[in-house]
PDB file of N, CA and C in Angstrom:
ATOM      1  N   UNK A   1      53.841  96.118 105.635  1.00  0.00           N
ATOM      2  CA  UNK A   1      55.183  96.472 106.036  1.00  0.00           C
ATOM      3  C   UNK A   1      55.395  97.931 105.654  1.00  0.00           C
ATOM      4  N   UNK A   2      55.973  98.675 106.614  1.00  0.00           N
ATOM      5  CA  UNK A   2      56.204 100.094 106.354  1.00  0.00           C
ATOM      6  C   UNK A   2      57.303 100.619 107.264  1.00  0.00           C
ATOM      7  N   UNK A   3      57.882 101.763 106.872  1.00  0.00           N
ATOM      8  CA  UNK A   3      58.830 102.466 107.727  1.00  0.00           C
ATOM      9  C   UNK A   3      58.009 103.244 108.741  1.00  0.00           C
ATOM     10  N   UNK A   4      58.192 102.934 110.023  1.00  0.00           N
ATOM     11  CA  UNK A   4      57.409 103.604 111.064  1.00  0.00           C
ATOM     12  C   UNK A   4      58.153 104.769 111.696  1.00  0.00           C
ATOM     13  N   UNK A   5      59.486 104.826 111.530  1.00  0.00           N
ATOM     14  CA  UNK A   5      60.240 106.002 111.956  1.00  0.00           C
ATOM     15  C   UNK A   5      61.507 106.092 111.128  1.00  0.00           C
ATOM     16  N   UNK A   6      61.915 107.320 110.838  1.00  0.00           N
ATOM     17  CA  UNK A   6      63.075 107.564 109.998  1.00  0.00           C
ATOM     18  C   UNK A   6      62.640 107.957 108.599  1.00  0.00           C
ATOM     19  N   UNK A   7      63.627 108.333 107.777  1.00  0.00           N
ATOM     20  CA  UNK A   7      63.358 108.776 106.413  1.00  0.00           C
ATOM     21  C   UNK A   7      63.755 107.675 105.446  1.00  0.00           C
ATOM     22  N   UNK A   8      62.799 107.222 104.667  1.00  0.00           N
ATOM     23  CA  UNK A   8      62.993 106.164 103.688  1.00  0.00           C
ATOM     24  C   UNK A   8      61.686 105.446 103.485  1.00  0.00           C
ATOM     25  N   UNK A   9      61.657 104.574 102.489  1.00  0.00           N
ATOM     26  CA  UNK A   9      60.441 103.803 102.254  1.00  0.00           C
ATOM     27  C   UNK A   9      60.798 102.403 101.776  1.00  0.00           C
ATOM     28  N   UNK A  10      59.876 101.488 101.986  1.00  0.00           N
ATOM     29  CA  UNK A  10      60.047 100.103 101.555  1.00  0.00           C
ATOM     30  C   UNK A  10      59.714 100.046 100.071  1.00  0.00           C
ATOM     31  N   UNK A  11      60.678  99.607  99.252  1.00  0.00           N
ATOM     32  CA  UNK A  11      60.419  99.487  97.823  1.00  0.00           C
ATOM     33  C   UNK A  11      59.928  98.087  97.473  1.00  0.00           C
ATOM     34  N   UNK A  12      60.425  97.086  98.169  1.00  0.00           N
ATOM     35  CA  UNK A  12      59.949  95.717  97.997  1.00  0.00           C
ATOM     36  C   UNK A  12      60.468  94.872  99.149  1.00  0.00           C
ATOM     37  N   UNK A  13      59.856  93.708  99.313  1.00  0.00           N
ATOM     38  CA  UNK A  13      60.323  92.793 100.347  1.00  0.00           C
ATOM     39  C   UNK A  13      60.072  91.367  99.904  1.00  0.00           C
ATOM     40  N   UNK A  14      60.808  90.451 100.533  1.00  0.00           N
ATOM     41  CA  UNK A  14      60.689  89.034 100.229  1.00  0.00           C
ATOM     42  C   UNK A  14      60.656  88.275 101.546  1.00  0.00           C
ATOM     43  N   UNK A  15      59.696  87.382 101.680  1.00  0.00           N
ATOM     44  CA  UNK A  15      59.600  86.521 102.859  1.00  0.00           C
ATOM     45  C   UNK A  15      59.875  85.096 102.403  1.00  0.00           C
ATOM     46  N   UNK A  16      60.871  84.458 103.019  1.00  0.00           N
ATOM     47  CA  UNK A  16      61.214  83.075 102.700  1.00  0.00           C
ATOM     48  C   UNK A  16      61.546  82.351 104.000  1.00  0.00           C
ATOM     49  N   UNK A  17      60.726  81.374 104.329  1.00  0.00           N
ATOM     50  CA  UNK A  17      60.882  80.622 105.574  1.00  0.00           C
ATOM     51  C   UNK A  17      60.851  81.583 106.762  1.00  0.00           C
ATOM     52  N   UNK A  18      61.922  81.637 107.539  1.00  0.00           N
ATOM     53  CA  UNK A  18      61.971  82.500 108.719  1.00  0.00           C
ATOM     54  C   UNK A  18      62.743  83.791 108.473  1.00  0.00           C
ATOM     55  N   UNK A  19      62.897  84.185 107.224  1.00  0.00           N
ATOM     56  CA  UNK A  19      63.711  85.340 106.886  1.00  0.00           C
ATOM     57  C   UNK A  19      62.907  86.348 106.068  1.00  0.00           C
ATOM     58  N   UNK A  20      63.112  87.631 106.382  1.00  0.00           N
ATOM     59  CA  UNK A  20      62.491  88.718 105.630  1.00  0.00           C
ATOM     60  C   UNK A  20      63.607  89.614 105.107  1.00  0.00           C
ATOM     61  N   UNK A  21      63.616  89.839 103.801  1.00  0.00           N
ATOM     62  CA  UNK A  21      64.574  90.751 103.182  1.00  0.00           C
ATOM     63  C   UNK A  21      63.791  91.975 102.731  1.00  0.00           C
ATOM     64  N   UNK A  22      64.240  93.158 103.178  1.00  0.00           N
ATOM     65  CA  UNK A  22      63.538  94.401 102.883  1.00  0.00           C
ATOM     66  C   UNK A  22      64.463  95.313 102.087  1.00  0.00           C
ATOM     67  N   UNK A  23      64.006  95.770 100.926  1.00  0.00           N
ATOM     68  CA  UNK A  23      64.732  96.758 100.141  1.00  0.00           C
ATOM     69  C   UNK A  23      64.154  98.128 100.449  1.00  0.00           C
ATOM     70  N   UNK A  24      65.040  99.068 100.767  1.00  0.00           N
ATOM     71  CA  UNK A  24      64.628 100.424 101.111  1.00  0.00           C
ATOM     72  C   UNK A  24      65.109 101.400 100.049  1.00  0.00           C
ATOM     73  N   UNK A  25      64.376 102.490  99.871  1.00  0.00           N
ATOM     74  CA  UNK A  25      64.803 103.583  99.003  1.00  0.00           C
ATOM     75  C   UNK A  25      64.652 104.884  99.777  1.00  0.00           C
ATOM     76  N   UNK A  26      65.371 105.900  99.322  1.00  0.00           N
ATOM     77  CA  UNK A  26      65.249 107.227  99.921  1.00  0.00           C
ATOM     78  C   UNK A  26      65.797 107.330 101.328  1.00  0.00           C
ATOM     79  N   UNK A  27      66.691 106.428 101.709  1.00  0.00           N
ATOM     80  CA  UNK A  27      67.265 106.435 103.054  1.00  0.00           C
ATOM     81  C   UNK A  27      68.335 107.529 103.119  1.00  0.00           C
ATOM     82  N   UNK A  28      68.222 108.399 104.098  1.00  0.00           N
ATOM     83  CA  UNK A  28      69.226 109.441 104.285  1.00  0.00           C
ATOM     84  C   UNK A  28      70.285 108.970 105.282  1.00  0.00           C
ATOM     85  N   UNK A  29      71.407 109.649 105.258  1.00  0.00           N
ATOM     86  CA  UNK A  29      72.540 109.290 106.101  1.00  0.00           C
ATOM     87  C   UNK A  29      72.296 109.698 107.555  1.00  0.00           C
ATOM     88  N   UNK A  30      73.006 109.039 108.456  1.00  0.00           N
ATOM     89  CA  UNK A  30      73.029 109.369 109.884  1.00  0.00           C
ATOM     90  C   UNK A  30      71.659 109.283 110.534  1.00  0.00           C
ATOM     91  N   UNK A  31      71.060 108.096 110.452  1.00  0.00           N
ATOM     92  CA  UNK A  31      69.753 107.909 111.073  1.00  0.00           C
ATOM     93  C   UNK A  31      69.510 106.446 111.411  1.00  0.00           C
ATOM     94  N   UNK A  32      68.523 106.241 112.255  1.00  0.00           N
ATOM     95  CA  UNK A  32      68.015 104.911 112.551  1.00  0.00           C
ATOM     96  C   UNK A  32      66.615 104.820 111.963  1.00  0.00           C
ATOM     97  N   UNK A  33      66.372 103.768 111.209  1.00  0.00           N
ATOM     98  CA  UNK A  33      65.056 103.528 110.618  1.00  0.00           C
ATOM     99  C   UNK A  33      64.424 102.350 111.346  1.00  0.00           C
ATOM    100  N   UNK A  34      63.140 102.466 111.625  1.00  0.00           N
ATOM    101  CA  UNK A  34      62.392 101.360 112.198  1.00  0.00           C
ATOM    102  C   UNK A  34      61.347 100.912 111.179  1.00  0.00           C
ATOM    103  N   UNK A  35      61.332  99.612 110.923  1.00  0.00           N
ATOM    104  CA  UNK A  35      60.384  99.019 109.993  1.00  0.00           C
ATOM    105  C   UNK A  35      59.393  98.189 110.796  1.00  0.00           C
ATOM    106  N   UNK A  36      58.126  98.411 110.518  1.00  0.00           N
ATOM    107  CA  UNK A  36      57.077  97.649 111.196  1.00  0.00           C
ATOM    108  C   UNK A  36      56.625  96.519 110.281  1.00  0.00           C
ATOM    109  N   UNK A  37      56.812  95.279 110.753  1.00  0.00           N
ATOM    110  CA  UNK A  37      56.350  94.095 110.048  1.00  0.00           C
ATOM    111  C   UNK A  37      54.995  93.712 110.631  1.00  0.00           C
ATOM    112  N   UNK A  38      54.001  93.609 109.780  1.00  0.00           N
ATOM    113  CA  UNK A  38      52.640  93.325 110.248  1.00  0.00           C
ATOM    114  C   UNK A  38      52.319  91.840 110.195  1.00  0.00           C
ATOM    115  N   UNK A  39      51.601  91.389 111.200  1.00  0.00           N
ATOM    116  CA  UNK A  39      51.073  90.023 111.242  1.00  0.00           C
ATOM    117  C   UNK A  39      52.157  88.954 111.145  1.00  0.00           C
ATOM    118  N   UNK A  40      53.210  89.100 111.942  1.00  0.00           N
ATOM    119  CA  UNK A  40      54.281  88.109 111.991  1.00  0.00           C
ATOM    120  C   UNK A  40      53.828  86.954 112.883  1.00  0.00           C
ATOM    121  N   UNK A  41      54.018  85.740 112.396  1.00  0.00           N
ATOM    122  CA  UNK A  41      53.566  84.562 113.139  1.00  0.00           C
ATOM    123  C   UNK A  41      54.738  83.658 113.481  1.00  0.00           C
ATOM    124  N   UNK A  42      54.714  83.148 114.707  1.00  0.00           N
ATOM    125  CA  UNK A  42      55.703  82.146 115.110  1.00  0.00           C
ATOM    126  C   UNK A  42      55.105  80.745 115.064  1.00  0.00           C
ATOM    127  N   UNK A  43      53.942  80.610 114.457  1.00  0.00           N
ATOM    128  CA  UNK A  43      53.252  79.332 114.372  1.00  0.00           C
ATOM    129  C   UNK A  43      52.168  79.195 115.416  1.00  0.00           C
ATOM    130  N   UNK A  44      52.288  79.987 116.489  1.00  0.00           N
ATOM    131  CA  UNK A  44      51.289  79.969 117.552  1.00  0.00           C
ATOM    132  C   UNK A  44      50.676  81.344 117.739  1.00  0.00           C
ATOM    133  N   UNK A  45      51.525  82.345 117.785  1.00  0.00           N
ATOM    134  CA  UNK A  45      51.086  83.722 118.019  1.00  0.00           C
ATOM    135  C   UNK A  45      51.325  84.568 116.777  1.00  0.00           C
ATOM    136  N   UNK A  46      50.477  85.589 116.596  1.00  0.00           N
ATOM    137  CA  UNK A  46      50.631  86.541 115.504  1.00  0.00           C
ATOM    138  C   UNK A  46      50.611  87.940 116.092  1.00  0.00           C
ATOM    139  N   UNK A  47      51.582  88.752 115.690  1.00  0.00           N
ATOM    140  CA  UNK A  47      51.663  90.126 116.200  1.00  0.00           C
ATOM    141  C   UNK A  47      52.475  90.975 115.227  1.00  0.00           C
ATOM    142  N   UNK A  48      52.396  92.273 115.399  1.00  0.00           N
ATOM    143  CA  UNK A  48      53.249  93.192 114.660  1.00  0.00           C
ATOM    144  C   UNK A  48      54.619  93.220 115.339  1.00  0.00           C
ATOM    145  N   UNK A  49      55.675  93.326 114.538  1.00  0.00           N
ATOM    146  CA  UNK A  49      57.040  93.340 115.053  1.00  0.00           C
ATOM    147  C   UNK A  49      57.770  94.523 114.435  1.00  0.00           C
ATOM    148  N   UNK A  50      58.515  95.246 115.249  1.00  0.00           N
ATOM    149  CA  UNK A  50      59.322  96.355 114.758  1.00  0.00           C
ATOM    150  C   UNK A  50      60.798  95.976 114.780  1.00  0.00           C
ATOM    151  N   UNK A  51      61.492  96.338 113.701  1.00  0.00           N
ATOM    152  CA  UNK A  51      62.916  96.046 113.552  1.00  0.00           C
ATOM    153  C   UNK A  51      63.619  97.347 113.175  1.00  0.00           C
ATOM    154  N   UNK A  52      64.744  97.640 113.839  1.00  0.00           N
ATOM    155  CA  UNK A  52      65.480  98.877 113.562  1.00  0.00           C
ATOM    156  C   UNK A  52      66.811  98.585 112.882  1.00  0.00           C
ATOM    157  N   UNK A  53      67.240  99.534 112.038  1.00  0.00           N
ATOM    158  CA  UNK A  53      68.539  99.456 111.377  1.00  0.00           C
ATOM    159  C   UNK A  53      69.157 100.851 111.391  1.00  0.00           C
ATOM    160  N   UNK A  54      70.475 100.898 111.619  1.00  0.00           N
ATOM    161  CA  UNK A  54      71.184 102.187 111.669  1.00  0.00           C
ATOM    162  C   UNK A  54      71.944 102.401 110.365  1.00  0.00           C
ATOM    163  N   UNK A  55      71.973 103.642 109.888  1.00  0.00           N
ATOM    164  CA  UNK A  55      72.652 103.987 108.643  1.00  0.00           C
ATOM    165  C   UNK A  55      73.589 105.162 108.890  1.00  0.00           C
ATOM    166  N   UNK A  56      74.888 104.935 108.633  1.00  0.00           N
ATOM    167  CA  UNK A  56      75.875 105.990 108.770  1.00  0.00           C
ATOM    168  C   UNK A  56      76.993 105.726 107.765  1.00  0.00           C
ATOM    169  N   UNK A  57      77.079 106.563 106.744  1.00  0.00           N
ATOM    170  CA  UNK A  57      78.081 106.408 105.698  1.00  0.00           C
ATOM    171  C   UNK A  57      79.482 106.432 106.295  1.00  0.00           C
ATOM    172  N   UNK A  58      80.267 105.393 105.990  1.00  0.00           N
ATOM    173  CA  UNK A  58      81.651 105.313 106.451  1.00  0.00           C
ATOM    174  C   UNK A  58      81.849 104.548 107.740  1.00  0.00           C
ATOM    175  N   UNK A  59      80.770 104.183 108.417  1.00  0.00           N
ATOM    176  CA  UNK A  59      80.872 103.465 109.691  1.00  0.00           C
ATOM    177  C   UNK A  59      81.057 101.979 109.423  1.00  0.00           C
ATOM    178  N   UNK A  60      82.263 101.595 109.028  1.00  0.00           N
ATOM    179  CA  UNK A  60      82.521 100.207 108.661  1.00  0.00           C
ATOM    180  C   UNK A  60      82.562  99.270 109.863  1.00  0.00           C
ATOM    181  N   UNK A  61      82.812  99.807 111.052  1.00  0.00           N
ATOM    182  CA  UNK A  61      82.846  98.972 112.253  1.00  0.00           C
ATOM    183  C   UNK A  61      81.450  98.795 112.859  1.00  0.00           C
ATOM    184  N   UNK A  62      80.502  99.639 112.458  1.00  0.00           N
ATOM    185  CA  UNK A  62      79.128  99.521 112.946  1.00  0.00           C
ATOM    186  C   UNK A  62      78.929 100.003 114.364  1.00  0.00           C
ATOM    187  N   UNK A  63      79.811 100.874 114.866  1.00  0.00           N
ATOM    188  CA  UNK A  63      79.694 101.324 116.251  1.00  0.00           C
ATOM    189  C   UNK A  63      78.973 102.669 116.403  1.00  0.00           C
ATOM    190  N   UNK A  64      78.468 103.216 115.295  1.00  0.00           N
ATOM    191  CA  UNK A  64      77.697 104.455 115.393  1.00  0.00           C
ATOM    192  C   UNK A  64      78.490 105.721 115.209  1.00  0.00           C
ATOM    193  N   UNK A  65      79.794 105.605 114.908  1.00  0.00           N
ATOM    194  CA  UNK A  65      80.599 106.789 114.622  1.00  0.00           C
ATOM    195  C   UNK A  65      81.673 106.435 113.587  1.00  0.00           C
ATOM    196  N   UNK A  66      82.104 107.449 112.855  1.00  0.00           N
ATOM    197  CA  UNK A  66      83.160 107.254 111.862  1.00  0.00           C
ATOM    198  C   UNK A  66      84.427 107.881 112.413  1.00  0.00           C
ATOM    199  N   UNK A  67      85.469 107.051 112.574  1.00  0.00           N
ATOM    200  CA  UNK A  67      86.712 107.536 113.171  1.00  0.00           C
ATOM    201  C   UNK A  67      87.899 106.735 112.639  1.00  0.00           C
ATOM    202  N   UNK A  68      89.021 106.856 113.320  1.00  0.00           N
ATOM    203  CA  UNK A  68      90.257 106.205 112.871  1.00  0.00           C
ATOM    204  C   UNK A  68      90.114 104.685 112.752  1.00  0.00           C
ATOM    205  N   UNK A  69      89.287 104.068 113.575  1.00  0.00           N
ATOM    206  CA  UNK A  69      89.137 102.610 113.488  1.00  0.00           C
ATOM    207  C   UNK A  69      88.470 102.203 112.170  1.00  0.00           C
ATOM    208  N   UNK A  70      87.550 103.019 111.676  1.00  0.00           N
ATOM    209  CA  UNK A  70      86.912 102.724 110.392  1.00  0.00           C
ATOM    210  C   UNK A  70      87.908 102.896 109.242  1.00  0.00           C
ATOM    211  N   UNK A  71      88.721 103.931 109.336  1.00  0.00           N
ATOM    212  CA  UNK A  71      89.742 104.172 108.315  1.00  0.00           C
ATOM    213  C   UNK A  71      90.742 103.016 108.300  1.00  0.00           C
ATOM    214  N   UNK A  72      91.224 102.627 109.468  1.00  0.00           N
ATOM    215  CA  UNK A  72      92.186 101.525 109.566  1.00  0.00           C
ATOM    216  C   UNK A  72      91.600 100.220 109.046  1.00  0.00           C
ATOM    217  N   UNK A  73      90.359  99.960 109.412  1.00  0.00           N
ATOM    218  CA  UNK A  73      89.715  98.724 108.977  1.00  0.00           C
ATOM    219  C   UNK A  73      89.576  98.688 107.455  1.00  0.00           C
ATOM    220  N   UNK A  74      89.158  99.795 106.868  1.00  0.00           N
ATOM    221  CA  UNK A  74      88.982  99.842 105.421  1.00  0.00           C
ATOM    222  C   UNK A  74      90.323  99.707 104.708  1.00  0.00           C
ATOM    223  N   UNK A  75      91.356 100.369 105.226  1.00  0.00           N
ATOM    224  CA  UNK A  75      92.706 100.230 104.644  1.00  0.00           C
ATOM    225  C   UNK A  75      93.163  98.774 104.698  1.00  0.00           C
ATOM    226  N   UNK A  76      92.949  98.114 105.828  1.00  0.00           N
ATOM    227  CA  UNK A  76      93.394  96.726 105.992  1.00  0.00           C
ATOM    228  C   UNK A  76      92.653  95.779 105.051  1.00  0.00           C
ATOM    229  N   UNK A  77      91.442  96.127 104.680  1.00  0.00           N
ATOM    230  CA  UNK A  77      90.636  95.270 103.806  1.00  0.00           C
ATOM    231  C   UNK A  77      90.804  95.597 102.322  1.00  0.00           C
ATOM    232  N   UNK A  78      91.514  96.664 102.024  1.00  0.00           N
ATOM    233  CA  UNK A  78      91.701  97.074 100.630  1.00  0.00           C
ATOM    234  C   UNK A  78      92.313  95.933  99.821  1.00  0.00           C
ATOM    235  N   UNK A  79      91.695  95.618  98.687  1.00  0.00           N
ATOM    236  CA  UNK A  79      92.166  94.544  97.825  1.00  0.00           C
ATOM    237  C   UNK A  79      91.577  93.183  98.126  1.00  0.00           C
ATOM    238  N   UNK A  80      90.904  93.039  99.265  1.00  0.00           N
ATOM    239  CA  UNK A  80      90.287  91.756  99.601  1.00  0.00           C
ATOM    240  C   UNK A  80      89.075  91.496  98.706  1.00  0.00           C
ATOM    241  N   UNK A  81      88.822  90.225  98.431  1.00  0.00           N
ATOM    242  CA  UNK A  81      87.591  89.847  97.737  1.00  0.00           C
ATOM    243  C   UNK A  81      86.423  90.121  98.677  1.00  0.00           C
ATOM    244  N   UNK A  82      85.358  90.633  98.137  1.00  0.00           N
ATOM    245  CA  UNK A  82      84.190  90.989  98.933  1.00  0.00           C
ATOM    246  C   UNK A  82      83.469  89.741  99.423  1.00  0.00           C
ATOM    247  N   UNK A  83      83.143  89.705 100.716  1.00  0.00           N
ATOM    248  CA  UNK A  83      82.376  88.596 101.279  1.00  0.00           C
ATOM    249  C   UNK A  83      81.557  89.096 102.471  1.00  0.00           C
ATOM    250  N   UNK A  84      80.915  88.176 103.161  1.00  0.00           N
ATOM    251  CA  UNK A  84      80.031  88.518 104.270  1.00  0.00           C
ATOM    252  C   UNK A  84      80.764  89.235 105.401  1.00  0.00           C
ATOM    253  N   UNK A  85      82.045  88.947 105.584  1.00  0.00           N
ATOM    254  CA  UNK A  85      82.783  89.521 106.710  1.00  0.00           C
ATOM    255  C   UNK A  85      83.299  90.937 106.457  1.00  0.00           C
ATOM    256  N   UNK A  86      83.366  91.371 105.204  1.00  0.00           N
ATOM    257  CA  UNK A  86      83.974  92.670 104.928  1.00  0.00           C
ATOM    258  C   UNK A  86      83.138  93.590 104.021  1.00  0.00           C
ATOM    259  N   UNK A  87      81.919  93.202 103.692  1.00  0.00           N
ATOM    260  CA  UNK A  87      81.106  93.971 102.748  1.00  0.00           C
ATOM    261  C   UNK A  87      80.868  95.411 103.178  1.00  0.00           C
ATOM    262  N   UNK A  88      80.882  95.683 104.479  1.00  0.00           N
ATOM    263  CA  UNK A  88      80.647  97.051 104.968  1.00  0.00           C
ATOM    264  C   UNK A  88      81.752  98.017 104.532  1.00  0.00           C
ATOM    265  N   UNK A  89      82.906  97.495 104.165  1.00  0.00           N
ATOM    266  CA  UNK A  89      84.009  98.356 103.733  1.00  0.00           C
ATOM    267  C   UNK A  89      83.911  98.748 102.255  1.00  0.00           C
ATOM    268  N   UNK A  90      82.985  98.164 101.518  1.00  0.00           N
ATOM    269  CA  UNK A  90      82.746  98.569 100.130  1.00  0.00           C
ATOM    270  C   UNK A  90      81.755  99.727 100.148  1.00  0.00           C
ATOM    271  N   UNK A  91      82.228 100.888 100.526  1.00  0.00           N
ATOM    272  CA  UNK A  91      81.395 102.068 100.756  1.00  0.00           C
ATOM    273  C   UNK A  91      80.665 102.517  99.494  1.00  0.00           C
ATOM    274  N   UNK A  92      81.336 102.487  98.340  1.00  0.00           N
ATOM    275  CA  UNK A  92      80.714 102.969  97.110  1.00  0.00           C
ATOM    276  C   UNK A  92      79.954 101.883  96.348  1.00  0.00           C
ATOM    277  N   UNK A  93      79.874 100.695  96.921  1.00  0.00           N
ATOM    278  CA  UNK A  93      79.081  99.576  96.391  1.00  0.00           C
ATOM    279  C   UNK A  93      79.453  99.191  94.962  1.00  0.00           C
ATOM    280  N   UNK A  94      80.760  99.233  94.658  1.00  0.00           N
ATOM    281  CA  UNK A  94      81.197  98.854  93.317  1.00  0.00           C
ATOM    282  C   UNK A  94      81.729  97.430  93.256  1.00  0.00           C
ATOM    283  N   UNK A  95      81.629  96.692  94.358  1.00  0.00           N
ATOM    284  CA  UNK A  95      82.069  95.306  94.383  1.00  0.00           C
ATOM    285  C   UNK A  95      83.533  95.110  94.717  1.00  0.00           C
ATOM    286  N   UNK A  96      84.225  96.193  95.081  1.00  0.00           N
ATOM    287  CA  UNK A  96      85.648  96.095  95.430  1.00  0.00           C
ATOM    288  C   UNK A  96      85.938  97.034  96.597  1.00  0.00           C
ATOM    289  N   UNK A  97      86.887  96.647  97.425  1.00  0.00           N
ATOM    290  CA  UNK A  97      87.352  97.517  98.507  1.00  0.00           C
ATOM    291  C   UNK A  97      88.683  98.097  98.046  1.00  0.00           C
ATOM    292  N   UNK A  98      88.724  99.424  97.896  1.00  0.00           N
ATOM    293  CA  UNK A  98      89.932 100.046  97.348  1.00  0.00           C
ATOM    294  C   UNK A  98      90.079 101.484  97.854  1.00  0.00           C
ATOM    295  N   UNK A  99      90.979 102.226  97.228  1.00  0.00           N
ATOM    296  CA  UNK A  99      91.303 103.575  97.691  1.00  0.00           C
ATOM    297  C   UNK A  99      90.103 104.521  97.659  1.00  0.00           C
ATOM    298  N   UNK A 100      89.171 104.311  96.745  1.00  0.00           N
ATOM    299  CA  UNK A 100      88.003 105.200  96.719  1.00  0.00           C
ATOM    300  C   UNK A 100      87.141 105.010  97.966  1.00  0.00           C
ATOM    301  N   UNK A 101      87.066 103.798  98.475  1.00  0.00           N
ATOM    302  CA  UNK A 101      86.334 103.547  99.728  1.00  0.00           C
ATOM    303  C   UNK A 101      87.043 104.210 100.902  1.00  0.00           C
ATOM    304  N   UNK A 102      88.358 104.102 100.929  1.00  0.00           N
ATOM    305  CA  UNK A 102      89.148 104.728 101.999  1.00  0.00           C
ATOM    306  C   UNK A 102      88.947 106.237 101.987  1.00  0.00           C
ATOM    307  N   UNK A 103      88.936 106.825 100.808  1.00  0.00           N
ATOM    308  CA  UNK A 103      88.732 108.269 100.673  1.00  0.00           C
ATOM    309  C   UNK A 103      87.380 108.697 101.241  1.00  0.00           C
ATOM    310  N   UNK A 104      86.338 107.931 100.953  1.00  0.00           N
ATOM    311  CA  UNK A 104      85.004 108.270 101.470  1.00  0.00           C
ATOM    312  C   UNK A 104      84.978 108.157 102.990  1.00  0.00           C
ATOM    313  N   UNK A 105      85.549 107.081 103.528  1.00  0.00           N
ATOM    314  CA  UNK A 105      85.564 106.914 104.988  1.00  0.00           C
ATOM    315  C   UNK A 105      86.308 108.083 105.645  1.00  0.00           C
ATOM    316  N   UNK A 106      87.455 108.453 105.088  1.00  0.00           N
ATOM    317  CA  UNK A 106      88.209 109.588 105.635  1.00  0.00           C
ATOM    318  C   UNK A 106      87.381 110.871 105.600  1.00  0.00           C
ATOM    319  N   UNK A 107      86.634 111.077 104.523  1.00  0.00           N
ATOM    320  CA  UNK A 107      85.837 112.307 104.393  1.00  0.00           C
ATOM    321  C   UNK A 107      84.676 112.359 105.381  1.00  0.00           C
ATOM    322  N   UNK A 108      84.270 111.210 105.882  1.00  0.00           N
ATOM    323  CA  UNK A 108      83.145 111.146 106.824  1.00  0.00           C
ATOM    324  C   UNK A 108      83.601 111.103 108.282  1.00  0.00           C
ATOM    325  N   UNK A 109      84.930 111.065 108.506  1.00  0.00           N
ATOM    326  CA  UNK A 109      85.454 110.980 109.859  1.00  0.00           C
ATOM    327  C   UNK A 109      84.925 112.119 110.734  1.00  0.00           C
ATOM    328  N   UNK A 110      84.474 111.757 111.909  1.00  0.00           N
ATOM    329  CA  UNK A 110      83.898 112.734 112.846  1.00  0.00           C
ATOM    330  C   UNK A 110      82.383 112.686 112.877  1.00  0.00           C
ATOM    331  N   UNK A 111      81.760 112.054 111.882  1.00  0.00           N
ATOM    332  CA  UNK A 111      80.301 111.933 111.884  1.00  0.00           C
ATOM    333  C   UNK A 111      79.874 110.816 112.836  1.00  0.00           C
ATOM    334  N   UNK A 112      78.693 110.984 113.390  1.00  0.00           N
ATOM    335  CA  UNK A 112      78.156 109.988 114.324  1.00  0.00           C
ATOM    336  C   UNK A 112      76.650 109.995 114.255  1.00  0.00           C
ATOM    337  N   UNK A 113      76.068 108.897 114.676  1.00  0.00           N
ATOM    338  CA  UNK A 113      74.610 108.826 114.779  1.00  0.00           C
ATOM    339  C   UNK A 113      74.143 109.660 115.954  1.00  0.00           C
ATOM    340  N   UNK A 114      72.988 110.297 115.798  1.00  0.00           N
ATOM    341  CA  UNK A 114      72.466 111.115 116.923  1.00  0.00           C
ATOM    342  C   UNK A 114      72.098 110.254 118.114  1.00  0.00           C
TER     343      UNK A 114
END
């Protein structure tokens, strides 16, 4: 397993049943990373598989740009308990959605993925 395009590297990974969890380090902002998984098997066939992920600080909506919708979404989620539906709004990864997250999203407004 390796990063085949983009800036970053695989620090560790875990394979459990049909799921692969990949930890990355050195990932820079505003990019798409492609990870090549080697020798993936569906029980019949084995092949290499590539998976891409996009990274953009402040893009809480996941649409590839940081704008008013990200700011509004983060404000609306402020004070909520962190869960699967709102984790993207915890920009500073401190386990809470609050004014510091809103400040970061506002500071990134106007940025977009290439």
